[in-house]
């Protein structure tokens, strides 16, 4: 069976030096799914209420831009809060290392001991890691505070979720924007394909097969659209 990646020295160094993309992946998937769900929910709700196609376009565009910006702003604020907290704790650790280095070495030794090191190996590892202040603090960030080793970038996080939201959210509106006949059926098909497509992309980073991940995402989006259609039908004009 083929392995997922190679293990020669160059490949190992490249993987360890690569930036952590988990956050961006999460933001892109979340933004794409939410953009499609909320926009198609508006389409389904307006269709269920029997309103004109122009209402779909107006509400859909307003949702894509306003809700996308709102999500981006919220993601920026949340990510920046984490980054600010990391900087604050980094300064705390620098102060403790400067004023009580032995106490910090004792903490580091306890962390390494819990990872299975003992005896002279534990002592040597503690001294070697504490000899590099940056790596020392990085380990304390991860092990003592549970923070990721890569600094968050709030502006980039906001842009990722905004772009994903707008691109995916515009797709269910396309049949109405170009004036297609039976626009709702086309919109429903496009939204379904978008849900399934996002799910299959998400499967690359999960243990589920691509088709199961696609169907799962399609089911989630379909339920949201169905609820919106039912609610809209309660106010049919």
C-alpha atoms as a PDB file:
ATOM      1  CA  UNK A   1       0.000   0.000   0.000  1.00  0.00           C
ATOM      2  CA  UNK A   2       1.389   3.399  -0.996  1.00  0.00           C
ATOM      3  CA  UNK A   3       2.196   5.808   1.821  1.00  0.00           C
ATOM      4  CA  UNK A   4       0.630   9.253   1.942  1.00  0.00           C
ATOM      5  CA  UNK A   5       4.010  11.019   1.812  1.00  0.00           C
ATOM      6  CA  UNK A   6       7.712  10.314   1.520  1.00  0.00           C
ATOM      7  CA  UNK A   7      10.268  10.229   4.319  1.00  0.00           C
ATOM      8  CA  UNK A   8      13.554  11.315   2.813  1.00  0.00           C
ATOM      9  CA  UNK A   9      15.326  14.207   4.527  1.00  0.00           C
ATOM     10  CA  UNK A  10      14.160  16.891   2.084  1.00  0.00           C
ATOM     11  CA  UNK A  11      10.500  15.807   2.311  1.00  0.00           C
ATOM     12  CA  UNK A  12      10.603  15.703   6.105  1.00  0.00           C
ATOM     13  CA  UNK A  13      12.142  19.187   6.307  1.00  0.00           C
ATOM     14  CA  UNK A  14       9.592  20.578   3.829  1.00  0.00           C
ATOM     15  CA  UNK A  15       6.644  19.224   5.828  1.00  0.00           C
ATOM     16  CA  UNK A  16       8.001  20.463   9.145  1.00  0.00           C
ATOM     17  CA  UNK A  17       8.780  23.915   7.728  1.00  0.00           C
ATOM     18  CA  UNK A  18       5.415  24.298   6.001  1.00  0.00           C
ATOM     19  CA  UNK A  19       2.907  26.656   7.533  1.00  0.00           C
ATOM     20  CA  UNK A  20      -0.133  25.121   9.164  1.00  0.00           C
ATOM     21  CA  UNK A  21      -3.041  25.464   6.696  1.00  0.00           C
ATOM     22  CA  UNK A  22      -5.690  23.868   8.899  1.00  0.00           C
ATOM     23  CA  UNK A  23      -7.230  27.199   9.859  1.00  0.00           C
ATOM     24  CA  UNK A  24      -7.475  28.398   6.267  1.00  0.00           C
ATOM     25  CA  UNK A  25      -9.036  25.110   5.197  1.00  0.00           C
ATOM     26  CA  UNK A  26     -11.599  25.388   7.978  1.00  0.00           C
ATOM     27  CA  UNK A  27     -12.403  28.998   7.039  1.00  0.00           C
ATOM     28  CA  UNK A  28     -12.746  28.209   3.325  1.00  0.00           C
ATOM     29  CA  UNK A  29     -15.047  25.227   3.899  1.00  0.00           C
ATOM     30  CA  UNK A  30     -17.098  27.048   6.515  1.00  0.00           C
ATOM     31  CA  UNK A  31     -17.435  30.143   4.329  1.00  0.00           C
ATOM     32  CA  UNK A  32     -18.327  28.121   1.234  1.00  0.00           C
ATOM     33  CA  UNK A  33     -20.960  26.022   2.958  1.00  0.00           C
ATOM     34  CA  UNK A  34     -22.479  28.947   4.828  1.00  0.00           C
ATOM     35  CA  UNK A  35     -22.523  31.137   1.737  1.00  0.00           C
ATOM     36  CA  UNK A  36     -24.349  28.475  -0.267  1.00  0.00           C
ATOM     37  CA  UNK A  37     -26.735  27.581   2.564  1.00  0.00           C
ATOM     38  CA  UNK A  38     -27.790  31.113   3.439  1.00  0.00           C
ATOM     39  CA  UNK A  39     -28.131  32.292  -0.158  1.00  0.00           C
ATOM     40  CA  UNK A  40     -30.082  29.270  -1.340  1.00  0.00           C
ATOM     41  CA  UNK A  41     -32.198  29.446   1.830  1.00  0.00           C
ATOM     42  CA  UNK A  42     -33.218  32.944   0.737  1.00  0.00           C
ATOM     43  CA  UNK A  43     -33.923  31.676  -2.788  1.00  0.00           C
ATOM     44  CA  UNK A  44     -36.021  28.813  -1.420  1.00  0.00           C
ATOM     45  CA  UNK A  45     -37.822  31.007   1.097  1.00  0.00           C
ATOM     46  CA  UNK A  46     -38.753  33.636  -1.480  1.00  0.00           C
ATOM     47  CA  UNK A  47     -39.783  30.938  -3.953  1.00  0.00           C
ATOM     48  CA  UNK A  48     -41.911  29.271  -1.295  1.00  0.00           C
ATOM     49  CA  UNK A  49     -43.603  32.577  -0.577  1.00  0.00           C
ATOM     50  CA  UNK A  50     -44.360  33.017  -4.281  1.00  0.00           C
ATOM     51  CA  UNK A  51     -42.588  36.355  -4.605  1.00  0.00           C
ATOM     52  CA  UNK A  52     -41.076  37.799  -7.774  1.00  0.00           C
ATOM     53  CA  UNK A  53     -37.661  36.791  -9.076  1.00  0.00           C
ATOM     54  CA  UNK A  54     -36.417  40.343  -8.561  1.00  0.00           C
ATOM     55  CA  UNK A  55     -36.889  39.865  -4.830  1.00  0.00           C
ATOM     56  CA  UNK A  56     -34.646  36.792  -4.982  1.00  0.00           C
ATOM     57  CA  UNK A  57     -31.882  38.779  -6.671  1.00  0.00           C
ATOM     58  CA  UNK A  58     -32.173  41.756  -4.305  1.00  0.00           C
ATOM     59  CA  UNK A  59     -32.220  39.704  -1.113  1.00  0.00           C
ATOM     60  CA  UNK A  60     -29.644  37.238  -2.389  1.00  0.00           C
ATOM     61  CA  UNK A  61     -27.101  39.907  -3.338  1.00  0.00           C
ATOM     62  CA  UNK A  62     -27.687  41.746  -0.071  1.00  0.00           C
ATOM     63  CA  UNK A  63     -27.101  38.527   1.828  1.00  0.00           C
ATOM     64  CA  UNK A  64     -23.941  37.572  -0.057  1.00  0.00           C
ATOM     65  CA  UNK A  65     -22.266  40.933   0.506  1.00  0.00           C
ATOM     66  CA  UNK A  66     -23.559  41.872   3.954  1.00  0.00           C
ATOM     67  CA  UNK A  67     -23.451  38.441   5.545  1.00  0.00           C
ATOM     68  CA  UNK A  68     -20.114  37.672   3.917  1.00  0.00           C
ATOM     69  CA  UNK A  69     -18.651  40.877   5.326  1.00  0.00           C
ATOM     70  CA  UNK A  70     -20.184  40.150   8.725  1.00  0.00           C
ATOM     71  CA  UNK A  71     -18.640  36.676   8.822  1.00  0.00           C
ATOM     72  CA  UNK A  72     -15.281  38.035   7.716  1.00  0.00           C
ATOM     73  CA  UNK A  73     -15.383  40.723  10.404  1.00  0.00           C
ATOM     74  CA  UNK A  74     -16.310  38.177  13.064  1.00  0.00           C
ATOM     75  CA  UNK A  75     -13.572  35.817  11.944  1.00  0.00           C
ATOM     76  CA  UNK A  76     -11.070  38.673  11.953  1.00  0.00           C
ATOM     77  CA  UNK A  77     -12.016  39.680  15.490  1.00  0.00           C
ATOM     78  CA  UNK A  78     -11.858  36.104  16.783  1.00  0.00           C
ATOM     79  CA  UNK A  79      -8.571  35.283  15.081  1.00  0.00           C
ATOM     80  CA  UNK A  80      -7.016  38.558  16.219  1.00  0.00           C
ATOM     81  CA  UNK A  81      -8.067  37.824  19.793  1.00  0.00           C
ATOM     82  CA  UNK A  82      -6.212  34.493  19.642  1.00  0.00           C
ATOM     83  CA  UNK A  83      -3.150  36.159  18.111  1.00  0.00           C
ATOM     84  CA  UNK A  84      -3.180  38.903  20.754  1.00  0.00           C
ATOM     85  CA  UNK A  85      -3.490  36.308  23.497  1.00  0.00           C
ATOM     86  CA  UNK A  86      -0.531  34.423  22.067  1.00  0.00           C
ATOM     87  CA  UNK A  87       1.586  37.575  22.024  1.00  0.00           C
ATOM     88  CA  UNK A  88       0.579  38.338  25.616  1.00  0.00           C
ATOM     89  CA  UNK A  89       1.498  34.858  26.817  1.00  0.00           C
ATOM     90  CA  UNK A  90       4.753  34.959  24.831  1.00  0.00           C
ATOM     91  CA  UNK A  91       5.747  38.093  26.776  1.00  0.00           C
ATOM     92  CA  UNK A  92       4.747  36.365  30.030  1.00  0.00           C
ATOM     93  CA  UNK A  93       7.006  33.404  29.245  1.00  0.00           C
ATOM     94  CA  UNK A  94       9.888  35.685  28.266  1.00  0.00           C
ATOM     95  CA  UNK A  95       9.547  37.488  31.597  1.00  0.00           C
ATOM     96  CA  UNK A  96       9.445  34.227  33.561  1.00  0.00           C
ATOM     97  CA  UNK A  97      12.486  32.853  31.740  1.00  0.00           C
ATOM     98  CA  UNK A  98      14.354  36.065  32.452  1.00  0.00           C
ATOM     99  CA  UNK A  99      13.386  36.306  36.143  1.00  0.00           C
ATOM    100  CA  UNK A 100      13.000  32.638  37.117  1.00  0.00           C
ATOM    101  CA  UNK A 101      14.809  30.470  34.556  1.00  0.00           C
ATOM    102  CA  UNK A 102      15.099  27.454  36.836  1.00  0.00           C
ATOM    103  CA  UNK A 103      11.385  27.425  37.497  1.00  0.00           C
ATOM    104  CA  UNK A 104      10.713  27.467  33.768  1.00  0.00           C
ATOM    105  CA  UNK A 105      13.226  24.665  33.237  1.00  0.00           C
ATOM    106  CA  UNK A 106      11.389  22.631  35.862  1.00  0.00           C
ATOM    107  CA  UNK A 107       8.142  23.163  33.910  1.00  0.00           C
ATOM    108  CA  UNK A 108       9.872  22.133  30.684  1.00  0.00           C
ATOM    109  CA  UNK A 109      11.305  19.053  32.379  1.00  0.00           C
ATOM    110  CA  UNK A 110       7.852  18.059  33.615  1.00  0.00           C
ATOM    111  CA  UNK A 111       6.430  18.447  30.101  1.00  0.00           C
ATOM    112  CA  UNK A 112       9.157  16.292  28.582  1.00  0.00           C
ATOM    113  CA  UNK A 113       8.803  13.730  31.351  1.00  0.00           C
ATOM    114  CA  UNK A 114       5.132  13.336  30.516  1.00  0.00           C
ATOM    115  CA  UNK A 115       6.171  12.594  26.943  1.00  0.00           C
ATOM    116  CA  UNK A 116       8.135   9.552  28.117  1.00  0.00           C
ATOM    117  CA  UNK A 117      11.644  10.899  28.631  1.00  0.00           C
ATOM    118  CA  UNK A 118      13.477  10.018  31.814  1.00  0.00           C
ATOM    119  CA  UNK A 119      16.896   9.904  33.464  1.00  0.00           C
ATOM    120  CA  UNK A 120      19.868  11.514  31.770  1.00  0.00           C
ATOM    121  CA  UNK A 121      18.005  11.752  28.464  1.00  0.00           C
ATOM    122  CA  UNK A 122      15.362  13.907  30.154  1.00  0.00           C
ATOM    123  CA  UNK A 123      17.997  16.144  31.729  1.00  0.00           C
ATOM    124  CA  UNK A 124      19.927  16.542  28.482  1.00  0.00           C
ATOM    125  CA  UNK A 125      16.776  17.257  26.453  1.00  0.00           C
ATOM    126  CA  UNK A 126      15.684  19.885  28.974  1.00  0.00           C
ATOM    127  CA  UNK A 127      19.028  21.654  28.795  1.00  0.00           C
ATOM    128  CA  UNK A 128      19.200  21.504  25.006  1.00  0.00           C
ATOM    129  CA  UNK A 129      15.689  22.906  24.453  1.00  0.00           C
ATOM    130  CA  UNK A 130      16.108  25.608  27.091  1.00  0.00           C
ATOM    131  CA  UNK A 131      19.294  26.668  25.308  1.00  0.00           C
ATOM    132  CA  UNK A 132      17.159  28.014  22.437  1.00  0.00           C
ATOM    133  CA  UNK A 133      14.752  30.571  23.879  1.00  0.00           C
ATOM    134  CA  UNK A 134      12.489  30.741  20.825  1.00  0.00           C
ATOM    135  CA  UNK A 135      12.005  26.972  20.644  1.00  0.00           C
ATOM    136  CA  UNK A 136      11.648  26.857  24.419  1.00  0.00           C
ATOM    137  CA  UNK A 137       8.812  29.381  24.411  1.00  0.00           C
ATOM    138  CA  UNK A 138       7.190  27.719  21.392  1.00  0.00           C
ATOM    139  CA  UNK A 139       7.034  24.473  23.350  1.00  0.00           C
ATOM    140  CA  UNK A 140       5.536  26.258  26.358  1.00  0.00           C
ATOM    141  CA  UNK A 141       2.946  27.915  24.093  1.00  0.00           C
ATOM    142  CA  UNK A 142       1.901  24.524  22.787  1.00  0.00           C
ATOM    143  CA  UNK A 143       2.171  22.360  25.881  1.00  0.00           C
ATOM    144  CA  UNK A 144       1.323  24.765  28.702  1.00  0.00           C
ATOM    145  CA  UNK A 145      -1.304  26.921  27.012  1.00  0.00           C
ATOM    146  CA  UNK A 146      -2.492  24.693  24.151  1.00  0.00           C
ATOM    147  CA  UNK A 147      -1.809  27.345  21.497  1.00  0.00           C
ATOM    148  CA  UNK A 148      -0.711  26.449  17.937  1.00  0.00           C
ATOM    149  CA  UNK A 149       2.949  27.004  17.035  1.00  0.00           C
ATOM    150  CA  UNK A 150       2.094  29.192  14.004  1.00  0.00           C
ATOM    151  CA  UNK A 151       0.963  32.786  14.483  1.00  0.00           C
ATOM    152  CA  UNK A 152      -2.576  33.502  13.315  1.00  0.00           C
ATOM    153  CA  UNK A 153      -3.081  36.073  10.547  1.00  0.00           C
ATOM    154  CA  UNK A 154      -6.469  37.723  11.157  1.00  0.00           C
ATOM    155  CA  UNK A 155      -6.644  39.707   7.908  1.00  0.00           C
ATOM    156  CA  UNK A 156      -5.853  36.622   5.824  1.00  0.00           C
ATOM    157  CA  UNK A 157      -8.403  34.575   7.801  1.00  0.00           C
ATOM    158  CA  UNK A 158     -11.052  37.229   7.155  1.00  0.00           C
ATOM    159  CA  UNK A 159     -10.265  37.366   3.421  1.00  0.00           C
ATOM    160  CA  UNK A 160     -10.383  33.578   3.050  1.00  0.00           C
ATOM    161  CA  UNK A 161     -13.823  33.275   4.608  1.00  0.00           C
ATOM    162  CA  UNK A 162     -15.182  36.334   2.733  1.00  0.00           C
ATOM    163  CA  UNK A 163     -13.988  35.153  -0.689  1.00  0.00           C
ATOM    164  CA  UNK A 164     -15.259  31.601  -0.085  1.00  0.00           C
ATOM    165  CA  UNK A 165     -18.625  32.933   1.115  1.00  0.00           C
ATOM    166  CA  UNK A 166     -19.103  35.287  -1.838  1.00  0.00           C
ATOM    167  CA  UNK A 167     -17.972  32.838  -4.532  1.00  0.00           C
ATOM    168  CA  UNK A 168     -20.111  29.971  -3.237  1.00  0.00           C
ATOM    169  CA  UNK A 169     -23.023  32.225  -2.328  1.00  0.00           C
ATOM    170  CA  UNK A 170     -23.266  33.714  -5.808  1.00  0.00           C
ATOM    171  CA  UNK A 171     -23.718  30.348  -7.493  1.00  0.00           C
ATOM    172  CA  UNK A 172     -27.399  29.762  -6.536  1.00  0.00           C
ATOM    173  CA  UNK A 173     -28.183  33.279  -7.778  1.00  0.00           C
ATOM    174  CA  UNK A 174     -26.742  32.810 -11.262  1.00  0.00           C
ATOM    175  CA  UNK A 175     -29.943  31.429 -12.871  1.00  0.00           C
ATOM    176  CA  UNK A 176     -31.846  34.496 -11.654  1.00  0.00           C
ATOM    177  CA  UNK A 177     -29.118  36.939 -12.649  1.00  0.00           C
ATOM    178  CA  UNK A 178     -29.030  35.649 -16.251  1.00  0.00           C
ATOM    179  CA  UNK A 179     -32.825  35.338 -16.457  1.00  0.00           C
ATOM    180  CA  UNK A 180     -33.054  31.588 -17.061  1.00  0.00           C
ATOM    181  CA  UNK A 181     -36.445  29.971 -17.356  1.00  0.00           C
ATOM    182  CA  UNK A 182     -37.374  27.773 -14.380  1.00  0.00           C
ATOM    183  CA  UNK A 183     -34.604  29.526 -12.460  1.00  0.00           C
ATOM    184  CA  UNK A 184     -35.487  27.852  -9.161  1.00  0.00           C
ATOM    185  CA  UNK A 185     -34.858  24.363 -10.519  1.00  0.00           C
ATOM    186  CA  UNK A 186     -31.518  25.453 -11.920  1.00  0.00           C
ATOM    187  CA  UNK A 187     -30.639  27.168  -8.673  1.00  0.00           C
ATOM    188  CA  UNK A 188     -31.552  24.049  -6.717  1.00  0.00           C
ATOM    189  CA  UNK A 189     -29.348  21.901  -8.944  1.00  0.00           C
ATOM    190  CA  UNK A 190     -26.405  24.315  -8.740  1.00  0.00           C
ATOM    191  CA  UNK A 191     -26.710  24.538  -4.957  1.00  0.00           C
ATOM    192  CA  UNK A 192     -26.823  20.762  -4.684  1.00  0.00           C
ATOM    193  CA  UNK A 193     -23.709  20.368  -6.826  1.00  0.00           C
ATOM    194  CA  UNK A 194     -21.961  23.059  -4.771  1.00  0.00           C
ATOM    195  CA  UNK A 195     -22.782  21.309  -1.509  1.00  0.00           C
ATOM    196  CA  UNK A 196     -21.618  17.982  -2.888  1.00  0.00           C
ATOM    197  CA  UNK A 197     -18.467  19.522  -4.382  1.00  0.00           C
ATOM    198  CA  UNK A 198     -17.456  21.187  -1.114  1.00  0.00           C
ATOM    199  CA  UNK A 199     -18.044  17.906   0.665  1.00  0.00           C
ATOM    200  CA  UNK A 200     -15.825  15.981  -1.724  1.00  0.00           C
ATOM    201  CA  UNK A 201     -13.046  18.572  -1.293  1.00  0.00           C
ATOM    202  CA  UNK A 202     -13.398  18.303   2.474  1.00  0.00           C
ATOM    203  CA  UNK A 203     -12.934  14.524   2.227  1.00  0.00           C
ATOM    204  CA  UNK A 204      -9.300  15.027   1.300  1.00  0.00           C
ATOM    205  CA  UNK A 205      -8.601  15.948   4.926  1.00  0.00           C
ATOM    206  CA  UNK A 206     -10.876  13.356   6.545  1.00  0.00           C
ATOM    207  CA  UNK A 207     -11.148   9.585   6.816  1.00  0.00           C
ATOM    208  CA  UNK A 208     -14.534   9.453   5.070  1.00  0.00           C
ATOM    209  CA  UNK A 209     -14.676   8.510   1.360  1.00  0.00           C
ATOM    210  CA  UNK A 210     -15.302  11.414  -0.995  1.00  0.00           C
ATOM    211  CA  UNK A 211     -18.843  10.377  -1.890  1.00  0.00           C
ATOM    212  CA  UNK A 212     -19.918  10.031   1.748  1.00  0.00           C
ATOM    213  CA  UNK A 213     -18.485  13.419   2.664  1.00  0.00           C
ATOM    214  CA  UNK A 214     -20.207  14.936  -0.365  1.00  0.00           C
ATOM    215  CA  UNK A 215     -23.569  13.398   0.499  1.00  0.00           C
ATOM    216  CA  UNK A 216     -23.233  14.482   4.126  1.00  0.00           C
ATOM    217  CA  UNK A 217     -22.654  18.107   3.125  1.00  0.00           C
ATOM    218  CA  UNK A 218     -25.459  17.899   0.561  1.00  0.00           C
ATOM    219  CA  UNK A 219     -27.829  16.614   3.252  1.00  0.00           C
ATOM    220  CA  UNK A 220     -26.949  19.457   5.626  1.00  0.00           C
ATOM    221  CA  UNK A 221     -27.471  22.111   2.965  1.00  0.00           C
ATOM    222  CA  UNK A 222     -30.622  20.430   1.656  1.00  0.00           C
ATOM    223  CA  UNK A 223     -32.238  20.375   5.086  1.00  0.00           C
ATOM    224  CA  UNK A 224     -31.536  24.086   5.579  1.00  0.00           C
ATOM    225  CA  UNK A 225     -33.039  24.932   2.187  1.00  0.00           C
ATOM    226  CA  UNK A 226     -36.070  22.723   2.832  1.00  0.00           C
ATOM    227  CA  UNK A 227     -36.766  24.464   6.148  1.00  0.00           C
ATOM    228  CA  UNK A 228     -36.519  27.863   4.437  1.00  0.00           C
ATOM    229  CA  UNK A 229     -38.900  26.743   1.686  1.00  0.00           C
ATOM    230  CA  UNK A 230     -41.441  25.485   4.245  1.00  0.00           C
ATOM    231  CA  UNK A 231     -41.286  28.714   6.225  1.00  0.00           C
ATOM    232  CA  UNK A 232     -41.644  30.766   3.033  1.00  0.00           C
ATOM    233  CA  UNK A 233     -44.639  28.681   2.039  1.00  0.00           C
ATOM    234  CA  UNK A 234     -46.380  29.644   5.287  1.00  0.00           C
ATOM    235  CA  UNK A 235     -46.466  33.231   3.975  1.00  0.00           C
ATOM    236  CA  UNK A 236     -47.320  32.470   0.355  1.00  0.00           C
ATOM    237  CA  UNK A 237     -48.933  35.482  -1.301  1.00  0.00           C
END
